N, C-alpha and C. Protein backbone atom coordinates (compact mmCIF):
# COMPACT_ATOMS: atom_id res chain seq x y z
N UNK A 1 110.71 38.16 57.03
CA UNK A 1 111.55 37.28 57.87
C UNK A 1 111.15 35.84 57.56
N UNK A 2 112.15 34.99 57.43
CA UNK A 2 111.88 33.59 57.11
C UNK A 2 111.41 32.87 58.35
N UNK A 3 110.50 32.00 58.14
CA UNK A 3 110.01 31.20 59.28
C UNK A 3 110.56 29.80 59.18
N UNK A 4 110.77 29.16 60.32
CA UNK A 4 111.32 27.80 60.38
C UNK A 4 110.23 26.86 60.83
N UNK A 5 110.02 25.85 60.08
CA UNK A 5 109.01 24.84 60.44
C UNK A 5 109.73 23.60 60.95
N UNK A 6 109.33 23.15 62.10
CA UNK A 6 109.91 21.93 62.66
C UNK A 6 109.06 20.73 62.28
N UNK A 7 109.72 19.63 61.99
CA UNK A 7 108.94 18.44 61.65
C UNK A 7 108.11 17.99 62.83
N UNK A 8 106.94 17.51 62.50
CA UNK A 8 106.04 17.06 63.56
C UNK A 8 106.41 15.64 63.96
N UNK A 9 107.14 15.56 65.04
CA UNK A 9 107.49 14.23 65.57
C UNK A 9 106.92 14.11 66.97
N UNK A 10 106.43 12.99 67.27
CA UNK A 10 105.97 12.77 68.64
C UNK A 10 107.18 12.53 69.52
N UNK A 11 107.14 13.09 70.71
CA UNK A 11 108.26 12.93 71.63
C UNK A 11 108.34 11.48 72.08
N UNK A 12 109.55 10.94 72.10
CA UNK A 12 109.68 9.56 72.57
C UNK A 12 109.39 9.48 74.06
N UNK A 13 108.93 8.36 74.45
CA UNK A 13 108.65 8.17 75.88
C UNK A 13 109.95 7.80 76.56
N UNK A 14 110.57 8.78 77.19
CA UNK A 14 111.87 8.55 77.80
C UNK A 14 111.75 8.17 79.28
N UNK A 15 110.60 8.40 79.85
CA UNK A 15 110.43 8.04 81.25
C UNK A 15 109.48 6.85 81.35
N UNK A 16 109.83 5.88 82.18
CA UNK A 16 108.94 4.74 82.33
C UNK A 16 107.63 5.17 82.94
N UNK A 17 106.61 4.52 82.51
CA UNK A 17 105.28 4.88 82.99
C UNK A 17 105.02 4.19 84.33
N UNK A 18 105.33 4.93 85.41
CA UNK A 18 105.16 4.38 86.74
C UNK A 18 103.86 4.89 87.33
N UNK A 19 103.16 3.99 87.99
CA UNK A 19 101.99 4.39 88.74
C UNK A 19 102.36 4.42 90.22
N UNK A 20 101.93 5.45 90.94
CA UNK A 20 102.27 5.50 92.36
C UNK A 20 101.73 4.29 93.08
N UNK A 21 102.61 3.72 93.87
CA UNK A 21 102.19 2.55 94.62
C UNK A 21 101.41 2.97 95.85
N UNK A 22 100.35 2.30 96.08
CA UNK A 22 99.55 2.58 97.27
C UNK A 22 99.57 1.36 98.16
N UNK A 23 99.61 1.63 99.41
CA UNK A 23 99.65 0.53 100.36
C UNK A 23 98.25 0.17 100.78
N UNK A 24 97.99 -1.10 100.83
CA UNK A 24 96.66 -1.53 101.25
C UNK A 24 96.54 -1.49 102.76
N UNK A 25 97.68 -1.30 103.41
CA UNK A 25 97.66 -1.24 104.87
C UNK A 25 97.63 0.21 105.32
N UNK A 26 97.10 0.42 106.52
CA UNK A 26 97.03 1.78 107.06
C UNK A 26 98.19 2.08 107.98
N UNK A 27 99.14 1.15 108.11
CA UNK A 27 100.27 1.41 108.99
C UNK A 27 101.54 0.87 108.39
N UNK A 28 102.65 1.43 108.82
CA UNK A 28 103.94 1.06 108.28
C UNK A 28 104.82 0.56 109.40
N UNK A 29 105.07 -0.75 109.49
CA UNK A 29 105.88 -1.26 110.60
C UNK A 29 107.30 -0.72 110.56
N UNK A 30 107.79 -0.32 111.72
CA UNK A 30 109.16 0.18 111.77
C UNK A 30 110.03 -0.67 112.69
N UNK A 31 109.40 -1.43 113.59
CA UNK A 31 110.18 -2.28 114.46
C UNK A 31 109.59 -3.67 114.46
N UNK A 32 110.43 -4.67 114.36
CA UNK A 32 109.95 -6.03 114.44
C UNK A 32 111.00 -6.87 115.13
N UNK A 33 110.61 -7.60 116.14
CA UNK A 33 111.54 -8.42 116.88
C UNK A 33 111.03 -9.85 116.92
N UNK A 34 111.92 -10.80 116.70
CA UNK A 34 111.53 -12.20 116.75
C UNK A 34 111.61 -12.73 118.16
N UNK A 35 112.22 -12.00 119.07
CA UNK A 35 112.32 -12.42 120.45
C UNK A 35 111.89 -11.29 121.35
N UNK A 36 111.71 -11.62 122.63
CA UNK A 36 111.25 -10.61 123.60
C UNK A 36 112.24 -9.45 123.68
N UNK A 37 111.76 -8.22 123.56
CA UNK A 37 112.63 -7.06 123.66
C UNK A 37 111.89 -5.93 124.33
N UNK A 38 112.62 -4.88 124.74
CA UNK A 38 112.01 -3.76 125.43
C UNK A 38 112.57 -2.46 124.88
N UNK A 39 111.70 -1.44 124.80
CA UNK A 39 112.12 -0.17 124.23
C UNK A 39 111.54 0.98 125.03
N UNK A 40 112.31 1.49 125.97
CA UNK A 40 111.92 2.63 126.79
C UNK A 40 110.50 2.55 127.32
N UNK A 41 110.11 1.39 127.78
CA UNK A 41 108.79 1.27 128.37
C UNK A 41 107.83 0.50 127.50
N UNK A 42 108.20 0.15 126.26
CA UNK A 42 107.33 -0.62 125.38
C UNK A 42 107.82 -2.04 125.33
N UNK A 43 106.98 -2.99 125.71
CA UNK A 43 107.37 -4.39 125.65
C UNK A 43 106.91 -5.00 124.34
N UNK A 44 107.86 -5.56 123.59
CA UNK A 44 107.54 -6.19 122.32
C UNK A 44 107.70 -7.70 122.47
N UNK A 45 106.62 -8.45 122.32
CA UNK A 45 106.70 -9.89 122.45
C UNK A 45 106.95 -10.53 121.10
N UNK A 46 106.98 -11.86 121.02
CA UNK A 46 107.29 -12.60 119.80
C UNK A 46 106.38 -12.19 118.64
N UNK A 47 106.99 -11.89 117.52
CA UNK A 47 106.28 -11.53 116.28
C UNK A 47 105.43 -10.29 116.42
N UNK A 48 105.81 -9.41 117.31
CA UNK A 48 105.07 -8.16 117.48
C UNK A 48 105.73 -7.05 116.69
N UNK A 49 104.95 -6.26 115.96
CA UNK A 49 105.48 -5.13 115.20
C UNK A 49 104.95 -3.84 115.78
N UNK A 50 105.77 -2.84 115.75
CA UNK A 50 105.36 -1.50 116.15
C UNK A 50 105.06 -0.72 114.89
N UNK A 51 103.85 -0.20 114.78
CA UNK A 51 103.45 0.45 113.54
C UNK A 51 103.19 1.93 113.75
N UNK A 52 103.56 2.70 112.76
CA UNK A 52 103.24 4.13 112.74
C UNK A 52 102.00 4.31 111.88
N UNK A 53 100.94 4.85 112.42
CA UNK A 53 99.73 5.03 111.63
C UNK A 53 99.98 5.99 110.48
N UNK A 54 99.27 5.75 109.37
CA UNK A 54 99.36 6.66 108.24
C UNK A 54 98.63 7.94 108.58
N UNK A 55 98.84 8.97 107.78
CA UNK A 55 98.23 10.26 108.07
C UNK A 55 96.71 10.18 108.11
N UNK A 56 96.15 9.21 107.40
CA UNK A 56 94.69 9.10 107.36
C UNK A 56 94.12 8.50 108.62
N UNK A 57 94.99 7.82 109.41
CA UNK A 57 94.48 7.17 110.60
C UNK A 57 94.99 7.78 111.90
N UNK A 58 95.82 8.82 111.81
CA UNK A 58 96.33 9.47 113.01
C UNK A 58 95.22 10.26 113.68
N UNK A 59 95.06 10.01 114.97
CA UNK A 59 94.01 10.72 115.70
C UNK A 59 94.56 12.04 116.25
N UNK A 60 93.67 12.92 116.60
CA UNK A 60 94.07 14.20 117.15
C UNK A 60 94.84 13.99 118.45
N UNK A 61 95.91 14.75 118.65
CA UNK A 61 96.72 14.62 119.85
C UNK A 61 95.88 14.91 121.10
N UNK A 62 96.08 14.06 122.11
CA UNK A 62 95.36 14.24 123.35
C UNK A 62 96.15 15.20 124.24
N UNK A 63 95.54 16.29 124.60
CA UNK A 63 96.21 17.25 125.47
C UNK A 63 95.85 16.94 126.92
N UNK A 64 96.79 17.21 127.81
CA UNK A 64 96.60 16.91 129.22
C UNK A 64 95.36 17.61 129.77
N UNK A 65 94.58 16.87 130.53
CA UNK A 65 93.40 17.44 131.15
C UNK A 65 93.80 18.19 132.42
N UNK A 66 94.86 17.72 133.05
CA UNK A 66 95.35 18.38 134.26
C UNK A 66 96.40 19.41 133.86
N UNK A 67 96.19 20.65 134.27
CA UNK A 67 97.12 21.72 133.93
C UNK A 67 97.71 22.34 135.19
N UNK A 68 98.77 23.07 135.01
CA UNK A 68 99.40 23.77 136.12
C UNK A 68 98.40 24.73 136.76
N UNK A 69 98.37 24.73 138.09
CA UNK A 69 97.45 25.60 138.80
C UNK A 69 96.13 24.92 139.14
N UNK A 70 95.96 23.68 138.69
CA UNK A 70 94.73 22.95 138.97
C UNK A 70 94.94 21.89 140.05
N UNK A 71 93.83 21.46 140.64
CA UNK A 71 93.85 20.32 141.55
C UNK A 71 93.44 19.10 140.73
N UNK A 72 94.30 18.10 140.60
CA UNK A 72 93.99 16.95 139.76
C UNK A 72 92.94 16.04 140.38
N UNK A 73 92.32 15.17 139.58
CA UNK A 73 91.35 14.21 140.12
C UNK A 73 92.00 13.32 141.18
N UNK A 74 91.28 13.03 142.23
CA UNK A 74 91.83 12.16 143.27
C UNK A 74 91.81 10.72 142.78
N UNK A 75 92.50 9.85 143.50
CA UNK A 75 92.50 8.44 143.13
C UNK A 75 92.73 7.58 144.37
N UNK A 76 92.31 6.34 144.27
CA UNK A 76 92.57 5.34 145.30
C UNK A 76 93.01 4.09 144.56
N UNK A 77 94.28 3.71 144.75
CA UNK A 77 94.86 2.58 144.03
C UNK A 77 95.62 1.67 145.00
N UNK A 78 95.94 0.47 144.54
CA UNK A 78 96.70 -0.47 145.35
C UNK A 78 98.20 -0.26 145.15
N UNK A 79 98.95 -0.32 146.25
CA UNK A 79 100.39 -0.17 146.16
C UNK A 79 101.06 -1.54 145.96
N UNK A 80 102.40 -1.58 146.04
CA UNK A 80 103.12 -2.82 145.78
C UNK A 80 102.88 -3.90 146.84
N UNK A 81 102.30 -3.49 147.98
CA UNK A 81 101.98 -4.46 149.03
C UNK A 81 100.51 -4.85 149.02
N UNK A 82 99.79 -4.36 148.02
CA UNK A 82 98.37 -4.70 147.91
C UNK A 82 97.47 -3.84 148.77
N UNK A 83 98.03 -2.80 149.43
CA UNK A 83 97.23 -1.92 150.27
C UNK A 83 96.72 -0.74 149.45
N UNK A 84 95.51 -0.29 149.77
CA UNK A 84 94.94 0.84 149.04
C UNK A 84 95.50 2.16 149.58
N UNK A 85 95.72 3.07 148.69
CA UNK A 85 96.27 4.38 149.05
C UNK A 85 95.59 5.45 148.21
N UNK A 86 95.22 6.54 148.86
CA UNK A 86 94.54 7.64 148.17
C UNK A 86 95.46 8.86 148.08
N UNK A 87 95.25 9.65 147.05
CA UNK A 87 96.04 10.86 146.85
C UNK A 87 95.85 11.81 148.03
N UNK A 88 94.66 11.80 148.62
CA UNK A 88 94.35 12.71 149.73
C UNK A 88 95.24 12.47 150.95
N UNK A 89 95.86 11.28 151.01
CA UNK A 89 96.74 10.97 152.14
C UNK A 89 97.93 11.93 152.21
N UNK A 90 98.31 12.48 151.05
CA UNK A 90 99.49 13.33 150.99
C UNK A 90 99.17 14.81 151.18
N UNK A 91 97.93 15.13 151.44
CA UNK A 91 97.53 16.53 151.64
C UNK A 91 98.34 17.12 152.80
N UNK A 92 98.88 18.29 152.59
CA UNK A 92 99.66 18.94 153.62
C UNK A 92 101.16 18.84 153.39
N UNK A 93 101.56 18.11 152.34
CA UNK A 93 102.98 18.02 151.99
C UNK A 93 103.09 17.92 150.47
N UNK A 94 104.20 18.37 149.92
CA UNK A 94 104.38 18.25 148.46
C UNK A 94 104.46 16.78 148.06
N UNK A 95 103.99 16.47 146.88
CA UNK A 95 104.07 15.10 146.39
C UNK A 95 104.43 15.10 144.91
N UNK A 96 105.32 14.20 144.55
CA UNK A 96 105.70 14.00 143.15
C UNK A 96 105.00 12.76 142.65
N UNK A 97 104.12 12.93 141.68
CA UNK A 97 103.41 11.80 141.08
C UNK A 97 103.96 11.61 139.68
N UNK A 98 104.61 10.48 139.45
CA UNK A 98 105.16 10.27 138.11
C UNK A 98 104.55 9.03 137.45
N UNK A 99 104.00 9.23 136.28
CA UNK A 99 103.45 8.15 135.47
C UNK A 99 104.56 7.62 134.56
N UNK A 100 104.70 6.31 134.52
CA UNK A 100 105.73 5.72 133.66
C UNK A 100 105.14 4.53 132.91
N UNK A 101 105.73 4.14 131.77
CA UNK A 101 105.15 3.09 130.93
C UNK A 101 105.02 1.71 131.56
N UNK A 102 106.12 1.17 132.12
CA UNK A 102 106.04 -0.21 132.63
C UNK A 102 107.26 -0.55 133.49
N UNK A 103 107.05 -1.50 134.41
CA UNK A 103 108.15 -2.01 135.22
C UNK A 103 109.16 -2.75 134.35
N UNK A 104 110.39 -2.77 134.81
CA UNK A 104 111.46 -3.58 134.21
C UNK A 104 111.82 -3.24 132.76
N UNK A 105 111.49 -2.05 132.31
CA UNK A 105 111.93 -1.63 130.99
C UNK A 105 113.10 -0.65 131.17
N UNK A 106 113.98 -0.53 130.19
CA UNK A 106 115.20 0.25 130.38
C UNK A 106 115.00 1.68 130.89
N UNK A 107 114.15 2.44 130.21
CA UNK A 107 113.94 3.83 130.62
C UNK A 107 113.28 3.95 131.97
N UNK A 108 112.32 3.07 132.24
CA UNK A 108 111.59 3.12 133.51
C UNK A 108 112.47 2.70 134.68
N UNK A 109 113.33 1.73 134.44
CA UNK A 109 114.26 1.29 135.48
C UNK A 109 115.25 2.41 135.80
N UNK A 110 115.74 3.06 134.75
CA UNK A 110 116.68 4.16 134.92
C UNK A 110 116.03 5.30 135.70
N UNK A 111 114.79 5.60 135.39
CA UNK A 111 114.07 6.67 136.07
C UNK A 111 113.82 6.32 137.54
N UNK A 112 113.36 5.09 137.79
CA UNK A 112 113.08 4.66 139.16
C UNK A 112 114.34 4.70 140.02
N UNK A 113 115.44 4.24 139.46
CA UNK A 113 116.71 4.23 140.20
C UNK A 113 117.23 5.65 140.45
N UNK A 114 116.93 6.56 139.52
CA UNK A 114 117.33 7.96 139.70
C UNK A 114 116.52 8.59 140.84
N UNK A 115 115.23 8.26 140.91
CA UNK A 115 114.41 8.73 142.03
C UNK A 115 114.94 8.12 143.34
N UNK A 116 115.31 6.85 143.29
CA UNK A 116 115.86 6.18 144.48
C UNK A 116 117.14 6.87 144.96
N UNK A 117 118.03 7.15 144.03
CA UNK A 117 119.32 7.74 144.39
C UNK A 117 119.18 9.16 144.94
N UNK A 118 118.10 9.84 144.56
CA UNK A 118 117.88 11.22 145.03
C UNK A 118 116.79 11.28 146.09
N UNK A 119 116.37 10.12 146.58
CA UNK A 119 115.22 10.07 147.49
C UNK A 119 115.44 10.90 148.76
N UNK A 120 116.65 10.89 149.29
CA UNK A 120 116.92 11.67 150.50
C UNK A 120 116.74 13.17 150.25
N UNK A 121 117.04 13.61 149.04
CA UNK A 121 116.85 15.02 148.69
C UNK A 121 115.36 15.36 148.66
N UNK A 122 114.56 14.41 148.17
CA UNK A 122 113.11 14.63 148.15
C UNK A 122 112.58 14.68 149.58
N UNK A 123 113.07 13.78 150.42
CA UNK A 123 112.63 13.76 151.82
C UNK A 123 113.03 15.06 152.52
N UNK A 124 114.22 15.53 152.20
CA UNK A 124 114.70 16.78 152.81
C UNK A 124 113.81 17.95 152.41
N UNK A 125 113.27 17.88 151.20
CA UNK A 125 112.36 18.93 150.72
C UNK A 125 110.94 18.72 151.25
N UNK A 126 110.76 17.65 152.04
CA UNK A 126 109.46 17.37 152.64
C UNK A 126 108.47 16.73 151.68
N UNK A 127 108.97 16.19 150.58
CA UNK A 127 108.08 15.65 149.54
C UNK A 127 108.03 14.12 149.53
N UNK A 128 106.90 13.60 149.07
CA UNK A 128 106.73 12.17 148.86
C UNK A 128 106.84 11.89 147.36
N UNK A 129 107.28 10.69 147.02
CA UNK A 129 107.38 10.28 145.61
C UNK A 129 106.46 9.08 145.38
N UNK A 130 105.65 9.17 144.33
CA UNK A 130 104.72 8.08 143.99
C UNK A 130 104.83 7.78 142.50
N UNK A 131 105.11 6.53 142.17
CA UNK A 131 105.15 6.12 140.77
C UNK A 131 103.89 5.37 140.40
N UNK A 132 103.39 5.60 139.20
CA UNK A 132 102.14 4.94 138.75
C UNK A 132 102.33 4.35 137.35
N UNK A 133 101.95 3.09 137.20
CA UNK A 133 101.91 2.46 135.88
C UNK A 133 100.76 1.45 135.85
N UNK A 134 100.56 0.83 134.71
CA UNK A 134 99.46 -0.14 134.57
C UNK A 134 99.80 -1.53 135.07
N UNK A 135 101.00 -1.73 135.61
CA UNK A 135 101.39 -3.05 136.11
C UNK A 135 100.62 -3.39 137.39
N UNK A 136 100.46 -4.69 137.65
CA UNK A 136 99.74 -5.10 138.86
C UNK A 136 100.64 -5.02 140.09
N UNK A 137 100.05 -5.10 141.30
CA UNK A 137 100.83 -4.97 142.53
C UNK A 137 102.00 -5.96 142.65
N UNK A 138 101.83 -7.18 142.18
CA UNK A 138 102.90 -8.17 142.29
C UNK A 138 104.10 -7.78 141.42
N UNK A 139 103.83 -7.20 140.27
CA UNK A 139 104.91 -6.72 139.40
C UNK A 139 105.65 -5.57 140.08
N UNK A 140 104.88 -4.65 140.67
CA UNK A 140 105.47 -3.52 141.39
C UNK A 140 106.34 -4.01 142.56
N UNK A 141 105.84 -5.02 143.26
CA UNK A 141 106.57 -5.53 144.43
C UNK A 141 107.93 -6.10 144.02
N UNK A 142 107.92 -6.89 142.93
CA UNK A 142 109.17 -7.47 142.45
C UNK A 142 110.13 -6.38 141.94
N UNK A 143 109.57 -5.39 141.26
CA UNK A 143 110.36 -4.28 140.71
C UNK A 143 111.01 -3.48 141.85
N UNK A 144 110.20 -3.17 142.86
CA UNK A 144 110.69 -2.39 144.00
C UNK A 144 111.75 -3.16 144.79
N UNK A 145 111.54 -4.46 144.95
CA UNK A 145 112.49 -5.28 145.70
C UNK A 145 113.82 -5.41 144.95
N UNK A 146 113.74 -5.65 143.66
CA UNK A 146 114.94 -5.85 142.85
C UNK A 146 115.85 -4.62 142.85
N UNK A 147 115.24 -3.44 142.79
CA UNK A 147 116.04 -2.20 142.70
C UNK A 147 116.03 -1.39 144.00
N UNK A 148 115.52 -1.98 145.07
CA UNK A 148 115.51 -1.35 146.39
C UNK A 148 114.88 0.05 146.33
N UNK A 149 113.70 0.11 145.79
CA UNK A 149 113.01 1.39 145.66
C UNK A 149 112.31 1.73 146.97
N UNK A 150 112.62 2.88 147.57
CA UNK A 150 112.08 3.23 148.89
C UNK A 150 110.73 3.95 148.85
N UNK A 151 110.20 4.16 147.67
CA UNK A 151 108.96 4.93 147.55
C UNK A 151 107.81 4.04 147.06
N UNK A 152 106.63 4.63 147.05
CA UNK A 152 105.40 3.91 146.70
C UNK A 152 105.21 3.77 145.20
N UNK A 153 104.80 2.58 144.77
CA UNK A 153 104.41 2.33 143.38
C UNK A 153 102.93 1.92 143.39
N UNK A 154 102.14 2.56 142.58
CA UNK A 154 100.71 2.29 142.53
C UNK A 154 100.31 1.62 141.22
N UNK A 155 99.33 0.73 141.33
CA UNK A 155 98.87 -0.03 140.17
C UNK A 155 97.62 0.59 139.57
N UNK A 156 97.76 1.10 138.37
CA UNK A 156 96.64 1.72 137.64
C UNK A 156 96.23 0.78 136.50
N UNK A 157 95.74 -0.40 136.88
CA UNK A 157 95.36 -1.39 135.87
C UNK A 157 94.19 -0.86 135.05
N UNK A 158 94.33 -0.95 133.73
CA UNK A 158 93.32 -0.39 132.84
C UNK A 158 93.58 1.07 132.52
N UNK A 159 94.62 1.64 133.15
CA UNK A 159 95.04 3.03 132.90
C UNK A 159 93.92 4.05 133.11
N UNK A 160 93.05 3.77 134.06
CA UNK A 160 91.92 4.67 134.32
C UNK A 160 92.40 6.04 134.79
N UNK A 161 93.32 6.06 135.78
CA UNK A 161 93.80 7.33 136.33
C UNK A 161 94.64 8.08 135.30
N UNK A 162 95.43 7.34 134.55
CA UNK A 162 96.23 7.95 133.47
C UNK A 162 95.31 8.71 132.52
N UNK A 163 94.18 8.12 132.19
CA UNK A 163 93.23 8.75 131.27
C UNK A 163 92.56 9.95 131.93
N UNK A 164 92.20 9.81 133.21
CA UNK A 164 91.53 10.91 133.92
C UNK A 164 92.44 12.13 134.05
N UNK A 165 93.73 11.86 134.23
CA UNK A 165 94.68 12.97 134.33
C UNK A 165 95.08 13.49 132.95
N UNK A 166 94.77 12.73 131.92
CA UNK A 166 95.08 13.15 130.55
C UNK A 166 96.54 13.03 130.19
N UNK A 167 97.21 12.01 130.74
CA UNK A 167 98.63 11.81 130.42
C UNK A 167 98.74 11.41 128.94
N UNK A 168 99.42 12.21 128.12
CA UNK A 168 99.49 11.91 126.68
C UNK A 168 100.38 10.71 126.38
N UNK A 169 99.96 9.93 125.39
CA UNK A 169 100.77 8.79 124.93
C UNK A 169 101.87 9.30 124.01
N UNK A 170 102.89 8.47 123.83
CA UNK A 170 104.01 8.82 122.95
C UNK A 170 104.10 7.83 121.80
N UNK A 171 104.97 8.13 120.85
CA UNK A 171 105.24 7.25 119.72
C UNK A 171 103.95 6.87 118.99
N UNK A 172 103.22 7.90 118.56
CA UNK A 172 101.98 7.73 117.80
C UNK A 172 100.92 6.94 118.56
N UNK A 173 100.92 7.11 119.87
CA UNK A 173 99.89 6.48 120.68
C UNK A 173 100.18 5.05 121.08
N UNK A 174 101.34 4.50 120.69
CA UNK A 174 101.65 3.10 121.00
C UNK A 174 102.33 2.93 122.35
N UNK A 175 102.85 4.02 122.91
CA UNK A 175 103.63 3.93 124.14
C UNK A 175 103.02 4.81 125.23
N UNK A 176 102.68 4.23 126.39
CA UNK A 176 102.15 5.04 127.49
C UNK A 176 103.13 6.17 127.83
N UNK A 177 102.62 7.34 128.07
CA UNK A 177 103.48 8.49 128.30
C UNK A 177 104.24 8.45 129.62
N UNK A 178 105.36 9.18 129.64
CA UNK A 178 106.16 9.34 130.86
C UNK A 178 106.01 10.80 131.30
N UNK A 179 105.17 11.02 132.29
CA UNK A 179 104.89 12.39 132.70
C UNK A 179 104.91 12.52 134.22
N UNK A 180 105.50 13.61 134.68
CA UNK A 180 105.65 13.85 136.12
C UNK A 180 104.91 15.11 136.54
N UNK A 181 104.23 15.00 137.68
CA UNK A 181 103.50 16.14 138.25
C UNK A 181 104.06 16.43 139.64
N UNK A 182 104.22 17.71 139.95
CA UNK A 182 104.58 18.11 141.31
C UNK A 182 103.41 18.88 141.89
N UNK A 183 102.88 18.37 143.00
CA UNK A 183 101.77 19.01 143.70
C UNK A 183 102.29 19.67 144.97
N UNK A 184 101.82 20.86 145.26
CA UNK A 184 102.25 21.54 146.48
C UNK A 184 101.45 21.04 147.69
N UNK A 185 101.64 21.67 148.82
CA UNK A 185 100.99 21.23 150.06
C UNK A 185 99.47 21.26 149.99
N UNK A 186 98.95 22.13 149.12
CA UNK A 186 97.49 22.24 148.98
C UNK A 186 96.93 21.31 147.91
N UNK A 187 97.82 20.55 147.29
CA UNK A 187 97.37 19.61 146.26
C UNK A 187 97.22 20.25 144.89
N UNK A 188 97.80 21.44 144.71
CA UNK A 188 97.72 22.14 143.43
C UNK A 188 98.95 21.82 142.58
N UNK A 189 98.74 21.55 141.31
CA UNK A 189 99.85 21.21 140.42
C UNK A 189 100.72 22.44 140.16
N UNK A 190 102.01 22.29 140.44
CA UNK A 190 102.96 23.39 140.21
C UNK A 190 103.92 23.11 139.05
N UNK A 191 103.99 21.85 138.63
CA UNK A 191 104.87 21.50 137.52
C UNK A 191 104.34 20.26 136.81
N UNK A 192 104.39 20.30 135.48
CA UNK A 192 104.10 19.12 134.66
C UNK A 192 105.29 18.96 133.72
N UNK A 193 105.92 17.81 133.79
CA UNK A 193 107.11 17.59 132.96
C UNK A 193 106.99 16.29 132.19
N UNK A 194 107.21 16.38 130.87
CA UNK A 194 107.10 15.21 130.01
C UNK A 194 108.39 15.04 129.21
N UNK A 195 109.02 13.89 129.35
CA UNK A 195 110.23 13.59 128.58
C UNK A 195 110.39 12.07 128.54
N UNK A 196 110.02 11.47 127.41
CA UNK A 196 110.02 10.01 127.31
C UNK A 196 111.43 9.43 127.29
N UNK A 197 112.34 10.08 126.57
CA UNK A 197 113.63 9.45 126.31
C UNK A 197 114.80 9.95 127.17
N UNK A 198 114.52 10.86 128.12
CA UNK A 198 115.53 11.28 129.08
C UNK A 198 114.92 11.20 130.47
N UNK A 199 114.67 9.97 130.94
CA UNK A 199 113.94 9.80 132.20
C UNK A 199 114.58 10.46 133.40
N UNK A 200 115.92 10.54 133.41
CA UNK A 200 116.59 11.15 134.56
C UNK A 200 116.30 12.64 134.68
N UNK A 201 115.89 13.27 133.59
CA UNK A 201 115.57 14.70 133.59
C UNK A 201 114.38 15.00 134.52
N UNK A 202 113.51 14.01 134.68
CA UNK A 202 112.34 14.21 135.55
C UNK A 202 112.77 14.51 136.98
N UNK A 203 113.83 13.85 137.42
CA UNK A 203 114.32 14.04 138.78
C UNK A 203 114.91 15.44 138.94
N UNK A 204 115.72 15.84 137.98
CA UNK A 204 116.35 17.17 138.02
C UNK A 204 115.32 18.29 138.08
N UNK A 205 114.30 18.19 137.20
CA UNK A 205 113.29 19.25 137.12
C UNK A 205 112.43 19.31 138.37
N UNK A 206 112.05 18.15 138.90
CA UNK A 206 111.18 18.14 140.08
C UNK A 206 111.92 18.65 141.32
N UNK A 207 113.17 18.25 141.47
CA UNK A 207 113.95 18.73 142.62
C UNK A 207 114.14 20.24 142.56
N UNK A 208 114.40 20.72 141.35
CA UNK A 208 114.62 22.16 141.16
C UNK A 208 113.39 22.95 141.64
N UNK A 209 112.21 22.44 141.28
CA UNK A 209 110.98 23.14 141.70
C UNK A 209 110.74 23.00 143.19
N UNK A 210 110.90 21.79 143.71
CA UNK A 210 110.64 21.55 145.14
C UNK A 210 111.51 22.43 146.02
N UNK A 211 112.74 22.62 145.61
CA UNK A 211 113.66 23.42 146.40
C UNK A 211 113.32 24.91 146.35
N UNK A 212 112.43 25.28 145.40
CA UNK A 212 112.04 26.69 145.30
C UNK A 212 110.71 26.96 146.00
N UNK A 213 110.02 25.90 146.41
CA UNK A 213 108.72 26.09 147.06
C UNK A 213 108.88 26.62 148.49
């Protein structure tokens, strides 16, 4: 059988010699605003960028320390009138404790107004509603007055209680989490609900549970 010999030619370089680009930064900005803006509880001031950490810098997800069936850590915080209030005050009645990112942001305002509009239903179920964020009492007072909020807002400056309860952050840790807890008459958690981008869902889920207690 005849054999065929091919000429020895080096293959031409048909593909450009690209080296993978590496970023010297550990984060990739996805939002940048030149003026004051708000995003579901995240306040972005002048020249502020929101960055997503690279895979090398992402920390392990923080799981809630408070679980269903547990009694959460107690707290004593200042309300919108500057008065101190403790969780133990609500012992003997159901209480809805909802953590939210910040006053006067679109999602938080929508959620607060939804709680306001359904407040009589919560009262009928014998429950109290308490909102908690890192804003100071004066911010809470203005927020409550502007939107006629009939329930208590507590100031968790430094997010100490948020950390003790293990409320998970959202958006790669850049946004304080929006999480709601329903405690029964004995102070035991019966529901934990987390939904950052559908704040009105918190009201639906909590009412559904309260009406079944």
